[in-house]
Amino acid sequence: MYVTIVHVSVGDEYVDEFIAASLINHKASIREPGNRRFDVLQQAAEPTKFVLYEAYDDEADAKAHKDTDHYATWRETVAHMMAEPRQSVTYVGLAPEA
């Protein structure tokens, strides 16, 4: 399993817009081949902070996600909302097993 955790911080005025755009991306992403999870998380104590948890069968499936129209639309839609550049960290999923 190939996992990417994306940390996002948005401006106060963009929280609702960011959530709406991210939920559209989520709904399309969970239908992609090889997708295991695509969670959109909002920090309880700081509602301008988000985490996207993306799990795919393998790196190729995760890379294919970046070529989808829905990802491109999300990226373009939320670019101006970022309070700072988003940060992504990749992991190898050990459990649960395939």
PDB file of N, CA and C in Angstrom:
ATOM      1  N   MET A   1       0.848  -1.170   0.000  1.00  0.00           N
ATOM      2  CA  MET A   1       0.000   0.000   0.000  1.00  0.00           C
ATOM      3  C   MET A   1       0.894   1.234   0.000  1.00  0.00           C
ATOM      4  N   TYR A   2       0.501   2.223  -0.788  1.00  0.00           N
ATOM      5  CA  TYR A   2       1.245   3.474  -0.935  1.00  0.00           C
ATOM      6  C   TYR A   2       0.364   4.585  -0.375  1.00  0.00           C
ATOM      7  N   VAL A   3       0.851   5.265   0.649  1.00  0.00           N
ATOM      8  CA  VAL A   3       0.058   6.269   1.368  1.00  0.00           C
ATOM      9  C   VAL A   3       0.727   7.633   1.261  1.00  0.00           C
ATOM     10  N   THR A   4      -0.082   8.640   1.014  1.00  0.00           N
ATOM     11  CA  THR A   4       0.387  10.018   1.043  1.00  0.00           C
ATOM     12  C   THR A   4      -0.462  10.772   2.049  1.00  0.00           C
ATOM     13  N   ILE A   5       0.199  11.501   2.933  1.00  0.00           N
ATOM     14  CA  ILE A   5      -0.491  12.365   3.883  1.00  0.00           C
ATOM     15  C   ILE A   5      -0.139  13.801   3.511  1.00  0.00           C
ATOM     16  N   VAL A   6      -1.174  14.570   3.214  1.00  0.00           N
ATOM     17  CA  VAL A   6      -1.001  15.940   2.759  1.00  0.00           C
ATOM     18  C   VAL A   6      -1.508  16.885   3.850  1.00  0.00           C
ATOM     19  N   HIS A   7      -0.654  17.797   4.288  1.00  0.00           N
ATOM     20  CA  HIS A   7      -1.022  18.792   5.287  1.00  0.00           C
ATOM     21  C   HIS A   7      -1.330  20.101   4.563  1.00  0.00           C
ATOM     22  N   VAL A   8      -2.512  20.654   4.860  1.00  0.00           N
ATOM     23  CA  VAL A   8      -2.961  21.860   4.183  1.00  0.00           C
ATOM     24  C   VAL A   8      -3.418  22.884   5.221  1.00  0.00           C
ATOM     25  N   SER A   9      -3.019  24.117   5.006  1.00  0.00           N
ATOM     26  CA  SER A   9      -3.471  25.231   5.827  1.00  0.00           C
ATOM     27  C   SER A   9      -4.094  26.254   4.890  1.00  0.00           C
ATOM     28  N   VAL A  10      -5.344  26.650   5.182  1.00  0.00           N
ATOM     29  CA  VAL A  10      -6.036  27.602   4.320  1.00  0.00           C
ATOM     30  C   VAL A  10      -6.368  28.871   5.104  1.00  0.00           C
ATOM     31  N   GLY A  11      -6.629  29.934   4.383  1.00  0.00           N
ATOM     32  CA  GLY A  11      -7.047  31.178   5.020  1.00  0.00           C
ATOM     33  C   GLY A  11      -8.423  31.026   5.646  1.00  0.00           C
ATOM     34  N   ASP A  12      -8.671  31.759   6.713  1.00  0.00           N
ATOM     35  CA  ASP A  12      -9.957  31.692   7.427  1.00  0.00           C
ATOM     36  C   ASP A  12     -11.150  31.839   6.492  1.00  0.00           C
ATOM     37  N   GLU A  13     -11.028  32.740   5.543  1.00  0.00           N
ATOM     38  CA  GLU A  13     -12.148  33.042   4.651  1.00  0.00           C
ATOM     39  C   GLU A  13     -12.417  31.956   3.622  1.00  0.00           C
ATOM     40  N   TYR A  14     -11.531  30.948   3.535  1.00  0.00           N
ATOM     41  CA  TYR A  14     -11.663  29.905   2.520  1.00  0.00           C
ATOM     42  C   TYR A  14     -12.061  28.537   3.061  1.00  0.00           C
ATOM     43  N   VAL A  15     -12.296  28.422   4.340  1.00  0.00           N
ATOM     44  CA  VAL A  15     -12.548  27.107   4.940  1.00  0.00           C
ATOM     45  C   VAL A  15     -13.701  26.384   4.251  1.00  0.00           C
ATOM     46  N   ASP A  16     -14.838  27.026   4.121  1.00  0.00           N
ATOM     47  CA  ASP A  16     -16.010  26.364   3.528  1.00  0.00           C
ATOM     48  C   ASP A  16     -15.768  26.009   2.064  1.00  0.00           C
ATOM     49  N   GLU A  17     -15.139  26.913   1.315  1.00  0.00           N
ATOM     50  CA  GLU A  17     -14.834  26.647  -0.093  1.00  0.00           C
ATOM     51  C   GLU A  17     -13.854  25.484  -0.235  1.00  0.00           C
ATOM     52  N   PHE A  18     -12.854  25.451   0.639  1.00  0.00           N
ATOM     53  CA  PHE A  18     -11.866  24.369   0.586  1.00  0.00           C
ATOM     54  C   PHE A  18     -12.544  23.022   0.870  1.00  0.00           C
ATOM     55  N   ILE A  19     -13.394  22.994   1.867  1.00  0.00           N
ATOM     56  CA  ILE A  19     -14.099  21.754   2.193  1.00  0.00           C
ATOM     57  C   ILE A  19     -14.943  21.306   1.001  1.00  0.00           C
ATOM     58  N   ALA A  20     -15.693  22.210   0.408  1.00  0.00           N
ATOM     59  CA  ALA A  20     -16.550  21.852  -0.729  1.00  0.00           C
ATOM     60  C   ALA A  20     -15.722  21.286  -1.886  1.00  0.00           C
ATOM     61  N   ALA A  21     -14.633  21.934  -2.235  1.00  0.00           N
ATOM     62  CA  ALA A  21     -13.786  21.467  -3.334  1.00  0.00           C
ATOM     63  C   ALA A  21     -13.147  20.121  -3.001  1.00  0.00           C
ATOM     64  N   SER A  22     -12.739  19.954  -1.757  1.00  0.00           N
ATOM     65  CA  SER A  22     -12.068  18.714  -1.349  1.00  0.00           C
ATOM     66  C   SER A  22     -13.038  17.538  -1.309  1.00  0.00           C
ATOM     67  N   LEU A  23     -14.287  17.788  -0.959  1.00  0.00           N
ATOM     68  CA  LEU A  23     -15.276  16.705  -0.951  1.00  0.00           C
ATOM     69  C   LEU A  23     -15.608  16.245  -2.367  1.00  0.00           C
ATOM     70  N   ILE A  24     -15.626  17.174  -3.314  1.00  0.00           N
ATOM     71  CA  ILE A  24     -15.816  16.786  -4.723  1.00  0.00           C
ATOM     72  C   ILE A  24     -14.657  15.911  -5.169  1.00  0.00           C
ATOM     73  N   ASN A  25     -13.434  16.313  -4.838  1.00  0.00           N
ATOM     74  CA  ASN A  25     -12.251  15.527  -5.191  1.00  0.00           C
ATOM     75  C   ASN A  25     -12.287  14.162  -4.507  1.00  0.00           C
ATOM     76  N   HIS A  26     -12.678  14.139  -3.247  1.00  0.00           N
ATOM     77  CA  HIS A  26     -12.796  12.888  -2.494  1.00  0.00           C
ATOM     78  C   HIS A  26     -13.747  11.910  -3.195  1.00  0.00           C
ATOM     79  N   LYS A  27     -14.938  12.387  -3.552  1.00  0.00           N
ATOM     80  CA  LYS A  27     -15.955  11.503  -4.147  1.00  0.00           C
ATOM     81  C   LYS A  27     -15.481  10.880  -5.455  1.00  0.00           C
ATOM     82  N   ALA A  28     -14.717  11.627  -6.234  1.00  0.00           N
ATOM     83  CA  ALA A  28     -14.169  11.077  -7.480  1.00  0.00           C
ATOM     84  C   ALA A  28     -12.970  10.176  -7.205  1.00  0.00           C
ATOM     85  N   SER A  29     -12.141  10.556  -6.250  1.00  0.00           N
ATOM     86  CA  SER A  29     -10.920   9.799  -5.961  1.00  0.00           C
ATOM     87  C   SER A  29     -11.214   8.398  -5.432  1.00  0.00           C
ATOM     88  N   ILE A  30     -12.250   8.251  -4.633  1.00  0.00           N
ATOM     89  CA  ILE A  30     -12.535   6.921  -4.071  1.00  0.00           C
ATOM     90  C   ILE A  30     -13.043   5.949  -5.129  1.00  0.00           C
ATOM     91  N   ARG A  31     -13.358   6.451  -6.316  1.00  0.00           N
ATOM     92  CA  ARG A  31     -13.772   5.576  -7.427  1.00  0.00           C
ATOM     93  C   ARG A  31     -12.608   5.207  -8.347  1.00  0.00           C
ATOM     94  N   GLU A  32     -11.420   5.724  -8.063  1.00  0.00           N
ATOM     95  CA  GLU A  32     -10.264   5.433  -8.913  1.00  0.00           C
ATOM     96  C   GLU A  32      -9.785   3.995  -8.716  1.00  0.00           C
ATOM     97  N   PRO A  33      -9.250   3.380  -9.773  1.00  0.00           N
ATOM     98  CA  PRO A  33      -8.652   2.051  -9.617  1.00  0.00           C
ATOM     99  C   PRO A  33      -7.499   2.102  -8.615  1.00  0.00           C
ATOM    100  N   GLY A  34      -7.461   1.147  -7.730  1.00  0.00           N
ATOM    101  CA  GLY A  34      -6.374   1.058  -6.768  1.00  0.00           C
ATOM    102  C   GLY A  34      -6.539   1.924  -5.535  1.00  0.00           C
ATOM    103  N   ASN A  35      -7.603   2.722  -5.462  1.00  0.00           N
ATOM    104  CA  ASN A  35      -7.788   3.562  -4.276  1.00  0.00           C
ATOM    105  C   ASN A  35      -8.327   2.725  -3.128  1.00  0.00           C
ATOM    106  N   ARG A  36      -7.707   2.866  -1.978  1.00  0.00           N
ATOM    107  CA  ARG A  36      -8.165   2.178  -0.761  1.00  0.00           C
ATOM    108  C   ARG A  36      -8.854   3.132   0.202  1.00  0.00           C
ATOM    109  N   ARG A  37      -8.352   4.355   0.287  1.00  0.00           N
ATOM    110  CA  ARG A  37      -8.948   5.378   1.156  1.00  0.00           C
ATOM    111  C   ARG A  37      -8.583   6.744   0.604  1.00  0.00           C
ATOM    112  N   PHE A  38      -9.465   7.671   0.841  1.00  0.00           N
ATOM    113  CA  PHE A  38      -9.169   9.063   0.526  1.00  0.00           C
ATOM    114  C   PHE A  38      -9.955   9.891   1.534  1.00  0.00           C
ATOM    115  N   ASP A  39      -9.322  10.183   2.652  1.00  0.00           N
ATOM    116  CA  ASP A  39      -9.985  10.876   3.757  1.00  0.00           C
ATOM    117  C   ASP A  39      -9.650  12.361   3.737  1.00  0.00           C
ATOM    118  N   VAL A  40     -10.644  13.164   4.044  1.00  0.00           N
ATOM    119  CA  VAL A  40     -10.461  14.604   4.203  1.00  0.00           C
ATOM    120  C   VAL A  40     -10.728  14.897   5.678  1.00  0.00           C
ATOM    121  N   LEU A  41      -9.705  15.367   6.382  1.00  0.00           N
ATOM    122  CA  LEU A  41      -9.792  15.587   7.823  1.00  0.00           C
ATOM    123  C   LEU A  41      -9.573  17.066   8.130  1.00  0.00           C
ATOM    124  N   GLN A  42     -10.382  17.588   9.051  1.00  0.00           N
ATOM    125  CA  GLN A  42     -10.241  18.965   9.499  1.00  0.00           C
ATOM    126  C   GLN A  42      -9.840  18.953  10.965  1.00  0.00           C
ATOM    127  N   GLN A  43      -8.808  19.711  11.293  1.00  0.00           N
ATOM    128  CA  GLN A  43      -8.336  19.753  12.678  1.00  0.00           C
ATOM    129  C   GLN A  43      -9.396  20.414  13.559  1.00  0.00           C
ATOM    130  N   ALA A  44      -9.742  19.752  14.663  1.00  0.00           N
ATOM    131  CA  ALA A  44     -10.795  20.249  15.558  1.00  0.00           C
ATOM    132  C   ALA A  44     -10.416  21.573  16.210  1.00  0.00           C
ATOM    133  N   ALA A  45      -9.191  21.680  16.680  1.00  0.00           N
ATOM    134  CA  ALA A  45      -8.763  22.870  17.412  1.00  0.00           C
ATOM    135  C   ALA A  45      -8.429  24.049  16.492  1.00  0.00           C
ATOM    136  N   GLU A  46      -8.034  23.758  15.255  1.00  0.00           N
ATOM    137  CA  GLU A  46      -7.688  24.800  14.282  1.00  0.00           C
ATOM    138  C   GLU A  46      -8.371  24.477  12.965  1.00  0.00           C
ATOM    139  N   PRO A  47      -9.595  24.962  12.753  1.00  0.00           N
ATOM    140  CA  PRO A  47     -10.378  24.565  11.584  1.00  0.00           C
ATOM    141  C   PRO A  47      -9.821  24.998  10.236  1.00  0.00           C
ATOM    142  N   THR A  48      -8.745  25.766  10.203  1.00  0.00           N
ATOM    143  CA  THR A  48      -8.110  26.122   8.932  1.00  0.00           C
ATOM    144  C   THR A  48      -7.049  25.103   8.524  1.00  0.00           C
ATOM    145  N   LYS A  49      -6.829  24.098   9.358  1.00  0.00           N
ATOM    146  CA  LYS A  49      -5.811  23.069   9.098  1.00  0.00           C
ATOM    147  C   LYS A  49      -6.511  21.767   8.702  1.00  0.00           C
ATOM    148  N   PHE A  50      -5.999  21.163   7.636  1.00  0.00           N
ATOM    149  CA  PHE A  50      -6.580  19.938   7.090  1.00  0.00           C
ATOM    150  C   PHE A  50      -5.491  18.905   6.833  1.00  0.00           C
ATOM    151  N   VAL A  51      -5.915  17.651   6.803  1.00  0.00           N
ATOM    152  CA  VAL A  51      -5.055  16.551   6.384  1.00  0.00           C
ATOM    153  C   VAL A  51      -5.832  15.744   5.356  1.00  0.00           C
ATOM    154  N   LEU A  52      -5.169  15.439   4.258  1.00  0.00           N
ATOM    155  CA  LEU A  52      -5.723  14.516   3.267  1.00  0.00           C
ATOM    156  C   LEU A  52      -4.942  13.221   3.396  1.00  0.00           C
ATOM    157  N   TYR A  53      -5.652  12.128   3.651  1.00  0.00           N
ATOM    158  CA  TYR A  53      -5.028  10.811   3.802  1.00  0.00           C
ATOM    159  C   TYR A  53      -5.404  10.015   2.565  1.00  0.00           C
ATOM    160  N   GLU A  54      -4.404   9.730   1.718  1.00  0.00           N
ATOM    161  CA  GLU A  54      -4.630   9.074   0.439  1.00  0.00           C
ATOM    162  C   GLU A  54      -3.905   7.734   0.430  1.00  0.00           C
ATOM    163  N   ALA A  55      -4.646   6.645   0.287  1.00  0.00           N
ATOM    164  CA  ALA A  55      -4.037   5.310   0.257  1.00  0.00           C
ATOM    165  C   ALA A  55      -4.413   4.619  -1.046  1.00  0.00           C
ATOM    166  N   TYR A  56      -3.393   4.139  -1.742  1.00  0.00           N
ATOM    167  CA  TYR A  56      -3.563   3.431  -3.015  1.00  0.00           C
ATOM    168  C   TYR A  56      -2.847   2.091  -2.937  1.00  0.00           C
ATOM    169  N   ASP A  57      -3.219   1.180  -3.839  1.00  0.00           N
ATOM    170  CA  ASP A  57      -2.577  -0.134  -3.860  1.00  0.00           C
ATOM    171  C   ASP A  57      -1.074  -0.017  -4.054  1.00  0.00           C
ATOM    172  N   ASP A  58      -0.667   0.908  -4.930  1.00  0.00           N
ATOM    173  CA  ASP A  58       0.764   1.048  -5.212  1.00  0.00           C
ATOM    174  C   ASP A  58       1.065   2.460  -5.706  1.00  0.00           C
ATOM    175  N   GLU A  59       2.336   2.718  -5.906  1.00  0.00           N
ATOM    176  CA  GLU A  59       2.779   4.048  -6.322  1.00  0.00           C
ATOM    177  C   GLU A  59       2.206   4.436  -7.680  1.00  0.00           C
ATOM    178  N   ALA A  60       2.094   3.476  -8.589  1.00  0.00           N
ATOM    179  CA  ALA A  60       1.541   3.774  -9.916  1.00  0.00           C
ATOM    180  C   ALA A  60       0.105   4.279  -9.821  1.00  0.00           C
ATOM    181  N   ASP A  61      -0.694   3.661  -8.960  1.00  0.00           N
ATOM    182  CA  ASP A  61      -2.078   4.110  -8.785  1.00  0.00           C
ATOM    183  C   ASP A  61      -2.117   5.516  -8.175  1.00  0.00           C
ATOM    184  N   ALA A  62      -1.233   5.787  -7.231  1.00  0.00           N
ATOM    185  CA  ALA A  62      -1.173   7.117  -6.619  1.00  0.00           C
ATOM    186  C   ALA A  62      -0.756   8.167  -7.651  1.00  0.00           C
ATOM    187  N   LYS A  63       0.201   7.817  -8.499  1.00  0.00           N
ATOM    188  CA  LYS A  63       0.639   8.746  -9.546  1.00  0.00           C
ATOM    189  C   LYS A  63      -0.464   8.971 -10.568  1.00  0.00           C
ATOM    190  N   ALA A  64      -1.238   7.935 -10.875  1.00  0.00           N
ATOM    191  CA  ALA A  64      -2.346   8.072 -11.823  1.00  0.00           C
ATOM    192  C   ALA A  64      -3.387   9.066 -11.298  1.00  0.00           C
ATOM    193  N   HIS A  65      -3.545   9.118  -9.993  1.00  0.00           N
ATOM    194  CA  HIS A  65      -4.466  10.079  -9.376  1.00  0.00           C
ATOM    195  C   HIS A  65      -4.116  11.510  -9.789  1.00  0.00           C
ATOM    196  N   LYS A  66      -2.825  11.806  -9.873  1.00  0.00           N
ATOM    197  CA  LYS A  66      -2.371  13.156 -10.222  1.00  0.00           C
ATOM    198  C   LYS A  66      -2.699  13.525 -11.671  1.00  0.00           C
ATOM    199  N   ASP A  67      -3.029  12.518 -12.492  1.00  0.00           N
ATOM    200  CA  ASP A  67      -3.361  12.761 -13.892  1.00  0.00           C
ATOM    201  C   ASP A  67      -4.858  12.868 -14.145  1.00  0.00           C
ATOM    202  N   THR A  68      -5.668  12.778 -13.093  1.00  0.00           N
ATOM    203  CA  THR A  68      -7.118  12.828 -13.280  1.00  0.00           C
ATOM    204  C   THR A  68      -7.606  14.263 -13.416  1.00  0.00           C
ATOM    205  N   ASP A  69      -8.711  14.408 -14.105  1.00  0.00           N
ATOM    206  CA  ASP A  69      -9.312  15.728 -14.257  1.00  0.00           C
ATOM    207  C   ASP A  69      -9.773  16.288 -12.910  1.00  0.00           C
ATOM    208  N   HIS A  70     -10.321  15.406 -12.064  1.00  0.00           N
ATOM    209  CA  HIS A  70     -10.827  15.914 -10.784  1.00  0.00           C
ATOM    210  C   HIS A  70      -9.696  16.418  -9.891  1.00  0.00           C
ATOM    211  N   TYR A  71      -8.533  15.773  -9.934  1.00  0.00           N
ATOM    212  CA  TYR A  71      -7.398  16.280  -9.154  1.00  0.00           C
ATOM    213  C   TYR A  71      -6.935  17.630  -9.700  1.00  0.00           C
ATOM    214  N   ALA A  72      -6.828  17.741 -11.033  1.00  0.00           N
ATOM    215  CA  ALA A  72      -6.396  19.008 -11.637  1.00  0.00           C
ATOM    216  C   ALA A  72      -7.363  20.131 -11.275  1.00  0.00           C
ATOM    217  N   THR A  73      -8.648  19.837 -11.304  1.00  0.00           N
ATOM    218  CA  THR A  73      -9.650  20.842 -10.939  1.00  0.00           C
ATOM    219  C   THR A  73      -9.496  21.243  -9.481  1.00  0.00           C
ATOM    220  N   TRP A  74      -9.326  20.247  -8.588  1.00  0.00           N
ATOM    221  CA  TRP A  74      -9.130  20.560  -7.168  1.00  0.00           C
ATOM    222  C   TRP A  74      -7.896  21.435  -6.972  1.00  0.00           C
ATOM    223  N   ARG A  75      -6.782  21.032  -7.560  1.00  0.00           N
ATOM    224  CA  ARG A  75      -5.517  21.756  -7.400  1.00  0.00           C
ATOM    225  C   ARG A  75      -5.661  23.216  -7.839  1.00  0.00           C
ATOM    226  N   GLU A  76      -6.290  23.434  -8.988  1.00  0.00           N
ATOM    227  CA  GLU A  76      -6.471  24.790  -9.489  1.00  0.00           C
ATOM    228  C   GLU A  76      -7.461  25.579  -8.634  1.00  0.00           C
ATOM    229  N   THR A  77      -8.513  24.913  -8.181  1.00  0.00           N
ATOM    230  CA  THR A  77      -9.551  25.575  -7.395  1.00  0.00           C
ATOM    231  C   THR A  77      -9.028  26.056  -6.048  1.00  0.00           C
ATOM    232  N   VAL A  78      -8.216  25.242  -5.387  1.00  0.00           N
ATOM    233  CA  VAL A  78      -7.787  25.570  -4.014  1.00  0.00           C
ATOM    234  C   VAL A  78      -6.453  26.312  -3.949  1.00  0.00           C
ATOM    235  N   ALA A  79      -5.769  26.465  -5.057  1.00  0.00           N
ATOM    236  CA  ALA A  79      -4.424  27.063  -5.032  1.00  0.00           C
ATOM    237  C   ALA A  79      -4.401  28.414  -4.329  1.00  0.00           C
ATOM    238  N   HIS A  80      -5.352  29.270  -4.606  1.00  0.00           N
ATOM    239  CA  HIS A  80      -5.360  30.606  -4.001  1.00  0.00           C
ATOM    240  C   HIS A  80      -5.819  30.589  -2.533  1.00  0.00           C
ATOM    241  N   MET A  81      -6.340  29.473  -2.062  1.00  0.00           N
ATOM    242  CA  MET A  81      -6.847  29.366  -0.694  1.00  0.00           C
ATOM    243  C   MET A  81      -5.756  29.053   0.322  1.00  0.00           C
ATOM    244  N   MET A  82      -4.626  28.572  -0.146  1.00  0.00           N
ATOM    245  CA  MET A  82      -3.559  28.108   0.734  1.00  0.00           C
ATOM    246  C   MET A  82      -2.918  29.261   1.511  1.00  0.00           C
ATOM    247  N   ALA A  83      -2.842  29.105   2.822  1.00  0.00           N
ATOM    248  CA  ALA A  83      -2.150  30.084   3.653  1.00  0.00           C
ATOM    249  C   ALA A  83      -0.642  29.878   3.580  1.00  0.00           C
ATOM    250  N   GLU A  84      -0.253  28.671   3.183  1.00  0.00           N
ATOM    251  CA  GLU A  84       1.153  28.299   2.995  1.00  0.00           C
ATOM    252  C   GLU A  84       1.157  27.100   2.054  1.00  0.00           C
ATOM    253  N   PRO A  85       2.285  26.796   1.423  1.00  0.00           N
ATOM    254  CA  PRO A  85       2.306  25.638   0.512  1.00  0.00           C
ATOM    255  C   PRO A  85       1.936  24.344   1.239  1.00  0.00           C
ATOM    256  N   ARG A  86       1.146  23.523   0.579  1.00  0.00           N
ATOM    257  CA  ARG A  86       0.784  22.234   1.185  1.00  0.00           C
ATOM    258  C   ARG A  86       2.019  21.342   1.226  1.00  0.00           C
ATOM    259  N   GLN A  87       2.040  20.447   2.196  1.00  0.00           N
ATOM    260  CA  GLN A  87       3.180  19.545   2.367  1.00  0.00           C
ATOM    261  C   GLN A  87       2.705  18.107   2.299  1.00  0.00           C
ATOM    262  N   SER A  88       3.379  17.314   1.482  1.00  0.00           N
ATOM    263  CA  SER A  88       3.036  15.902   1.307  1.00  0.00           C
ATOM    264  C   SER A  88       4.168  15.022   1.793  1.00  0.00           C
ATOM    265  N   VAL A  89       3.798  13.951   2.476  1.00  0.00           N
ATOM    266  CA  VAL A  89       4.756  12.946   2.928  1.00  0.00           C
ATOM    267  C   VAL A  89       4.221  11.594   2.500  1.00  0.00           C
ATOM    268  N   THR A  90       5.069  10.774   1.887  1.00  0.00           N
ATOM    269  CA  THR A  90       4.639   9.445   1.456  1.00  0.00           C
ATOM    270  C   THR A  90       5.121   8.379   2.438  1.00  0.00           C
ATOM    271  N   TYR A  91       4.323   7.327   2.517  1.00  0.00           N
ATOM    272  CA  TYR A  91       4.593   6.216   3.432  1.00  0.00           C
ATOM    273  C   TYR A  91       4.342   4.907   2.711  1.00  0.00           C
ATOM    274  N   VAL A  92       4.933   3.851   3.228  1.00  0.00           N
ATOM    275  CA  VAL A  92       4.609   2.494   2.808  1.00  0.00           C
ATOM    276  C   VAL A  92       3.668   1.931   3.859  1.00  0.00           C
ATOM    277  N   GLY A  93       2.478   1.556   3.433  1.00  0.00           N
ATOM    278  CA  GLY A  93       1.498   1.002   4.375  1.00  0.00           C
ATOM    279  C   GLY A  93       1.852  -0.416   4.738  1.00  0.00           C
ATOM    280  N   LEU A  94       1.938  -0.693   6.015  1.00  0.00           N
ATOM    281  CA  LEU A  94       2.285  -2.029   6.504  1.00  0.00           C
ATOM    282  C   LEU A  94       1.057  -2.825   6.954  1.00  0.00           C
ATOM    283  N   ALA A  95       0.065  -2.142   7.481  1.00  0.00           N
ATOM    284  CA  ALA A  95      -1.153  -2.804   7.913  1.00  0.00           C
ATOM    285  C   ALA A  95      -2.290  -1.809   7.734  1.00  0.00           C
ATOM    286  N   PRO A  96      -3.437  -2.210   7.297  1.00  0.00           N
ATOM    287  CA  PRO A  96      -3.791  -3.590   7.017  1.00  0.00           C
ATOM    288  C   PRO A  96      -3.121  -4.088   5.733  1.00  0.00           C
ATOM    289  N   GLU A  97      -2.969  -5.387   5.659  1.00  0.00           N
ATOM    290  CA  GLU A  97      -2.365  -5.994   4.473  1.00  0.00           C
ATOM    291  C   GLU A  97      -3.380  -6.039   3.343  1.00  0.00           C
ATOM    292  N   ALA A  98      -2.874  -6.222   2.137  1.00  0.00           N
ATOM    293  CA  ALA A  98      -3.744  -6.288   0.961  1.00  0.00           C
ATOM    294  C   ALA A  98      -4.716  -7.438   1.056  1.00  0.00           C
TER     295      ALA A  98
END
